[in-house]
Amino acid sequence: MFLQLLVGGIAVGCIYALIGLGYSLIYSASGLMSFVQGEIFMLGAYVAFTIYVGLGIPFLLAVLIAIGFMFTFGMLLERSMISPLLRRGSQQIHIVLATIGLSIFLKNFAMILWGSDVKNFPSSFGENPIKMGPVSISPQQIAIVVVTLACMVLLHLFMSRTKLGTSLRAAAQDPMAAGVVGINVPLTVGMAWALAAALSAVAGILLAPIYGVYPKMGAILSTKGFAAAVLGGYGNMYGAIIGGLIFGVVETMAAGYLSSSFKDIISFGVLIVVLFVMPHGILKVKAD
């Protein structure tokens, strides 16, 4: 039972890690908090569902189009709403309120456009579980872990090996100095919001075949993704990964050995205890 729960916890933790990565990217690049990641998660799943199921476009192409759409959405969100607010002298609380307002708008927009019923998102990886000794793993769980690992590796390579990624890290550390040496700081900030939106969309697409697609699907997951980012060290990308995996495994173990009624109490309780001991999270220093 332990191994079975561990596998399930890792799969769930990967979803939290992807969402938490988005929060950390935004904070490390701009010092801002966004509370619209859950609705971007939901919107990415709906866009992929519409393209894949509604239009009948092959799964892989539908996913790539949906991720590209959400990447553009994230960039436009930063350029059209966040930047203008900052130019007008808005403070952190105003950005938080603006993103909360946008999240409410997107939820209601999804209800109007797609309805409030749960949409079935067929899995392209098959339905039959794979037996590995005492552990039974669904193809979708394997896909979640593999795709998450691929996203983490690609993001690491992007941030450490590309000129744009290096510019993003430099702008996050010292925007004024980065601007002096010729780095386009607004572009790098917009890129961080775009990447965060793309990662949330990937998480939504991966989870949709398990739970379906519905307007409120991102509500609790965005909270747990945020908690994972805080647990790992808010603003630290690697910390978000660690926090997501810990959160996923702890709540799955709690649900399996105790009751699903206790999983949120115990997982958030672990978060509180860790923050009492390590107020900055597990990895307090931002990763370069």
Protein backbone atom coordinates (compact mmCIF):
# COMPACT_ATOMS: atom_id res chain seq x y z
CA MET A 1 0.00 0.00 0.00
CA PHE A 2 2.84 2.36 0.84
CA LEU A 3 4.39 2.12 -2.64
CA GLN A 4 1.01 2.56 -4.31
CA LEU A 5 0.33 5.70 -2.28
CA LEU A 6 3.85 6.97 -2.93
CA VAL A 7 3.37 6.71 -6.68
CA GLY A 8 0.04 8.52 -6.48
CA GLY A 9 1.55 11.18 -4.23
CA ILE A 10 4.44 11.81 -6.61
CA ALA A 11 2.01 12.22 -9.52
CA VAL A 12 -0.13 14.70 -7.57
CA GLY A 13 3.00 16.45 -6.31
CA CYS A 14 4.18 16.95 -9.89
CA ILE A 15 1.01 18.92 -10.62
CA TYR A 16 1.55 21.08 -7.53
CA ALA A 17 5.18 21.54 -8.56
CA LEU A 18 4.22 22.83 -12.03
CA ILE A 19 1.77 25.34 -10.56
CA GLY A 20 4.25 26.29 -7.82
CA LEU A 21 6.93 26.86 -10.46
CA GLY A 22 4.66 29.43 -12.06
CA TYR A 23 4.26 31.32 -8.78
CA SER A 24 8.01 31.25 -8.18
CA LEU A 25 8.86 32.42 -11.71
CA ILE A 26 6.59 35.43 -11.39
CA TYR A 27 7.88 36.35 -7.96
CA SER A 28 11.55 35.90 -8.81
CA ALA A 29 11.23 37.99 -11.99
CA SER A 30 8.99 40.79 -10.74
CA GLY A 31 8.61 40.49 -6.95
CA LEU A 32 4.84 40.21 -7.47
CA MET A 33 2.22 37.68 -6.43
CA SER A 34 -0.38 36.39 -8.87
CA PHE A 35 -3.58 34.70 -7.76
CA VAL A 36 -4.89 33.83 -11.19
CA GLN A 37 -2.74 30.71 -11.76
CA GLY A 38 -5.60 28.35 -10.87
CA GLU A 39 -7.84 29.86 -13.51
CA ILE A 40 -5.02 29.76 -16.08
CA PHE A 41 -4.69 26.07 -15.15
CA MET A 42 -8.42 25.67 -15.84
CA LEU A 43 -8.38 27.75 -19.04
CA GLY A 44 -5.47 25.75 -20.47
CA ALA A 45 -7.43 22.53 -19.94
CA TYR A 46 -10.53 24.02 -21.59
CA VAL A 47 -8.57 25.32 -24.60
CA ALA A 48 -6.92 21.91 -25.10
CA PHE A 49 -10.31 20.18 -24.68
CA THR A 50 -11.93 22.45 -27.27
CA ILE A 51 -9.16 21.94 -29.81
CA TYR A 52 -8.74 18.20 -29.21
CA VAL A 53 -12.32 17.04 -28.64
CA GLY A 54 -14.32 19.86 -30.20
CA LEU A 55 -12.30 20.38 -33.37
CA GLY A 56 -10.90 16.86 -33.63
CA ILE A 57 -7.28 17.97 -33.98
CA PRO A 58 -4.66 15.31 -33.03
CA PHE A 59 -3.81 15.30 -29.33
CA LEU A 60 -0.16 16.35 -29.51
CA LEU A 61 -0.87 19.22 -31.91
CA ALA A 62 -3.86 20.31 -29.79
CA VAL A 63 -1.66 20.38 -26.67
CA LEU A 64 1.06 22.41 -28.40
CA ILE A 65 -1.51 24.92 -29.68
CA ALA A 66 -3.11 25.20 -26.23
CA ILE A 67 0.27 25.75 -24.53
CA GLY A 68 1.20 28.36 -27.15
CA PHE A 69 -2.16 30.07 -26.63
CA MET A 70 -1.70 30.20 -22.85
CA PHE A 71 1.92 31.38 -23.21
CA THR A 72 0.62 34.29 -25.29
CA PHE A 73 -2.17 34.86 -22.78
CA GLY A 74 0.35 35.15 -19.95
CA MET A 75 2.45 37.63 -21.91
CA LEU A 76 -0.60 39.73 -22.80
CA LEU A 77 -1.80 39.61 -19.19
CA GLU A 78 1.44 41.12 -17.97
CA ARG A 79 1.65 43.69 -20.78
CA SER A 80 -2.01 44.80 -20.70
CA MET A 81 -2.85 44.66 -16.98
CA ILE A 82 0.16 44.26 -14.69
CA SER A 83 2.57 46.72 -16.34
CA PRO A 84 -0.01 49.54 -16.69
CA LEU A 85 -0.93 49.16 -13.01
CA LEU A 86 2.72 49.37 -11.98
CA ARG A 87 3.32 52.42 -14.17
CA ARG A 88 0.47 54.16 -12.37
CA GLY A 89 2.16 53.55 -9.03
CA SER A 90 0.07 50.58 -7.91
CA GLN A 91 1.37 48.59 -4.97
CA GLN A 92 1.62 44.84 -4.41
CA ILE A 93 -1.86 44.70 -2.88
CA HIS A 94 -3.37 46.26 -6.00
CA ILE A 95 -1.76 43.59 -8.20
CA VAL A 96 -3.08 40.89 -5.87
CA LEU A 97 -6.60 42.33 -6.03
CA ALA A 98 -6.39 42.70 -9.82
CA THR A 99 -5.39 39.05 -10.29
CA ILE A 100 -8.11 37.89 -7.86
CA GLY A 101 -10.64 39.91 -9.88
CA LEU A 102 -9.35 38.37 -13.11
CA SER A 103 -9.63 34.87 -11.62
CA ILE A 104 -13.31 35.48 -10.77
CA PHE A 105 -13.90 36.83 -14.28
CA LEU A 106 -12.24 33.81 -15.93
CA LYS A 107 -14.26 31.35 -13.81
CA ASN A 108 -17.53 33.00 -14.81
CA PHE A 109 -16.38 33.36 -18.41
CA ALA A 110 -15.70 29.60 -18.52
CA MET A 111 -19.17 28.87 -17.09
CA ILE A 112 -20.81 31.03 -19.76
CA LEU A 113 -18.73 29.66 -22.64
CA TRP A 114 -18.47 25.95 -21.74
CA GLY A 115 -21.13 25.47 -19.07
CA SER A 116 -20.71 24.31 -15.49
CA ASP A 117 -20.90 20.55 -16.12
CA VAL A 118 -17.78 18.37 -16.05
CA LYS A 119 -16.32 17.71 -19.51
CA ASN A 120 -14.75 14.33 -20.16
CA PHE A 121 -11.21 14.75 -21.47
CA PRO A 122 -10.21 11.38 -23.00
CA SER A 123 -6.72 10.16 -22.16
CA SER A 124 -4.45 9.57 -25.13
CA PHE A 125 -2.17 7.32 -23.10
CA GLY A 126 -4.64 4.51 -22.51
CA GLU A 127 -6.81 3.47 -19.59
CA ASN A 128 -5.36 0.09 -18.59
CA PRO A 129 -3.06 0.31 -15.53
CA ILE A 130 0.47 -1.04 -15.72
CA LYS A 131 1.50 -3.53 -13.04
CA MET A 132 4.98 -3.16 -11.56
CA GLY A 133 5.16 -5.74 -8.81
CA PRO A 134 2.71 -4.71 -6.07
CA VAL A 135 2.20 -1.28 -7.62
CA SER A 136 -0.42 -0.46 -10.25
CA ILE A 137 0.34 2.70 -12.23
CA SER A 138 -2.03 4.34 -14.69
CA PRO A 139 -0.57 5.54 -18.01
CA GLN A 140 -1.77 9.06 -17.14
CA GLN A 141 0.26 9.04 -13.91
CA ILE A 142 3.35 8.02 -15.87
CA ALA A 143 2.65 10.80 -18.38
CA ILE A 144 2.31 13.33 -15.54
CA VAL A 145 5.69 12.40 -14.04
CA VAL A 146 7.52 12.19 -17.40
CA VAL A 147 6.11 15.46 -18.75
CA THR A 148 6.79 17.26 -15.46
CA LEU A 149 10.40 16.06 -15.43
CA ALA A 150 10.77 17.17 -19.05
CA CYS A 151 9.35 20.62 -18.23
CA MET A 152 11.72 20.99 -15.28
CA VAL A 153 14.77 19.99 -17.33
CA LEU A 154 13.79 22.29 -20.22
CA LEU A 155 13.16 25.18 -17.83
CA HIS A 156 16.52 24.60 -16.13
CA LEU A 157 18.31 24.56 -19.50
CA PHE A 158 16.42 27.65 -20.63
CA MET A 159 17.31 29.57 -17.47
CA SER A 160 20.97 28.49 -17.36
CA ARG A 161 22.01 27.99 -20.99
CA THR A 162 20.12 30.56 -23.10
CA LYS A 163 20.71 34.28 -23.44
CA LEU A 164 17.06 35.08 -22.69
CA GLY A 165 17.08 32.88 -19.58
CA THR A 166 20.28 34.50 -18.34
CA SER A 167 18.71 37.91 -18.96
CA LEU A 168 15.66 36.88 -16.96
CA ARG A 169 17.79 35.83 -13.99
CA ALA A 170 19.85 39.02 -14.19
CA ALA A 171 16.73 41.21 -14.34
CA ALA A 172 15.28 39.35 -11.36
CA GLN A 173 18.40 39.99 -9.26
CA ASP A 174 18.83 43.68 -10.12
CA PRO A 175 16.43 45.24 -12.66
CA MET A 176 18.22 48.61 -12.74
CA ALA A 177 21.67 47.12 -13.36
CA ALA A 178 20.20 44.76 -15.97
CA GLY A 179 18.64 47.69 -17.81
CA VAL A 180 21.94 49.59 -17.75
CA VAL A 181 23.76 46.75 -19.53
CA GLY A 182 21.10 46.57 -22.25
CA ILE A 183 18.72 43.89 -21.01
CA ASN A 184 15.10 44.46 -21.95
CA VAL A 185 13.67 44.15 -18.43
CA PRO A 186 9.96 44.52 -19.41
CA LEU A 187 10.40 41.70 -21.94
CA THR A 188 11.97 39.41 -19.35
CA VAL A 189 9.18 40.10 -16.85
CA GLY A 190 6.57 39.41 -19.52
CA MET A 191 8.41 36.20 -20.39
CA ALA A 192 8.22 35.05 -16.76
CA TRP A 193 4.44 35.56 -16.69
CA ALA A 194 4.14 33.78 -20.05
CA LEU A 195 6.19 30.79 -18.87
CA ALA A 196 4.16 30.63 -15.65
CA ALA A 197 0.93 30.53 -17.68
CA ALA A 198 2.33 27.81 -19.95
CA LEU A 199 3.38 25.65 -16.97
CA SER A 200 -0.06 26.01 -15.35
CA ALA A 201 -1.68 25.08 -18.67
CA VAL A 202 0.49 21.95 -18.91
CA ALA A 203 -0.59 20.98 -15.39
CA GLY A 204 -4.26 21.48 -16.31
CA ILE A 205 -3.95 19.39 -19.48
CA LEU A 206 -2.20 16.58 -17.58
CA LEU A 207 -4.80 16.43 -14.82
CA ALA A 208 -7.89 16.88 -17.03
CA PRO A 209 -8.17 13.21 -18.12
CA ILE A 210 -8.29 12.12 -14.45
CA TYR A 211 -10.78 14.60 -12.98
CA GLY A 212 -12.40 16.10 -16.08
CA VAL A 213 -12.60 19.77 -17.04
CA TYR A 214 -14.87 22.20 -15.17
CA PRO A 215 -14.77 25.91 -14.24
CA LYS A 216 -13.70 25.45 -10.59
CA MET A 217 -11.08 22.77 -11.20
CA GLY A 218 -8.19 25.13 -10.44
CA ALA A 219 -9.52 26.64 -7.20
CA ILE A 220 -8.05 24.29 -4.59
CA LEU A 221 -5.12 23.23 -6.77
CA SER A 222 -3.91 26.81 -7.12
CA THR A 223 -3.94 27.13 -3.32
CA LYS A 224 -1.89 23.96 -2.97
CA GLY A 225 0.49 25.02 -5.73
CA PHE A 226 1.00 28.31 -3.90
CA ALA A 227 1.53 26.44 -0.63
CA ALA A 228 4.07 24.19 -2.37
CA ALA A 229 5.99 27.24 -3.58
CA VAL A 230 5.96 28.72 -0.06
CA LEU A 231 7.02 25.40 1.48
CA GLY A 232 9.97 25.05 -0.89
CA GLY A 233 11.00 28.70 -0.59
CA TYR A 234 8.92 31.32 -2.36
CA GLY A 235 10.73 32.57 -5.45
CA ASN A 236 13.02 29.53 -5.65
CA MET A 237 12.19 27.34 -8.65
CA TYR A 238 13.89 24.26 -7.27
CA GLY A 239 12.20 24.82 -3.94
CA ALA A 240 8.80 24.82 -5.70
CA ILE A 241 9.59 21.37 -7.10
CA ILE A 242 10.59 20.02 -3.69
CA GLY A 243 7.60 21.64 -2.00
CA GLY A 244 5.18 20.25 -4.58
CA LEU A 245 6.45 16.70 -4.19
CA ILE A 246 6.40 16.88 -0.38
CA PHE A 247 2.88 18.33 -0.39
CA GLY A 248 1.59 15.69 -2.82
CA VAL A 249 3.12 12.73 -0.96
CA VAL A 250 2.06 13.94 2.51
CA GLU A 251 -1.57 14.53 1.57
CA THR A 252 -1.81 11.23 -0.34
CA MET A 253 -0.35 9.29 2.59
CA ALA A 254 -2.76 11.06 4.96
CA ALA A 255 -5.73 10.17 2.75
CA GLY A 256 -4.59 6.56 2.40
CA TYR A 257 -3.70 5.76 6.01
CA LEU A 258 -6.22 7.99 7.78
CA SER A 259 -9.04 9.50 5.75
CA SER A 260 -9.45 11.82 2.79
CA SER A 261 -11.13 14.19 5.25
CA PHE A 262 -7.77 14.69 6.98
CA LYS A 263 -5.51 15.14 3.97
CA ASP A 264 -5.81 18.93 3.74
CA ILE A 265 -5.52 19.38 7.51
CA ILE A 266 -2.33 17.33 7.68
CA SER A 267 -0.69 18.70 4.52
CA PHE A 268 -1.29 22.33 5.49
CA GLY A 269 -0.31 21.45 9.05
CA VAL A 270 3.06 20.25 7.75
CA LEU A 271 3.38 23.55 5.88
CA ILE A 272 2.78 25.53 9.08
CA VAL A 273 5.28 23.44 11.06
CA VAL A 274 7.98 23.78 8.40
CA LEU A 275 7.47 27.55 8.21
CA PHE A 276 7.75 27.82 11.99
CA VAL A 277 11.12 26.05 11.84
CA MET A 278 12.25 27.55 8.51
CA PRO A 279 10.32 30.81 7.91
CA HIS A 280 11.78 31.22 4.42
CA GLY A 281 10.93 27.70 3.35
CA ILE A 282 13.16 24.73 2.67
CA LEU A 283 15.38 26.62 0.20
CA LYS A 284 15.39 30.25 1.27
CA VAL A 285 17.98 31.51 -1.22
CA LYS A 286 16.70 32.10 -4.75
CA ALA A 287 18.29 29.73 -7.21
CA ASP A 288 20.37 31.35 -9.93
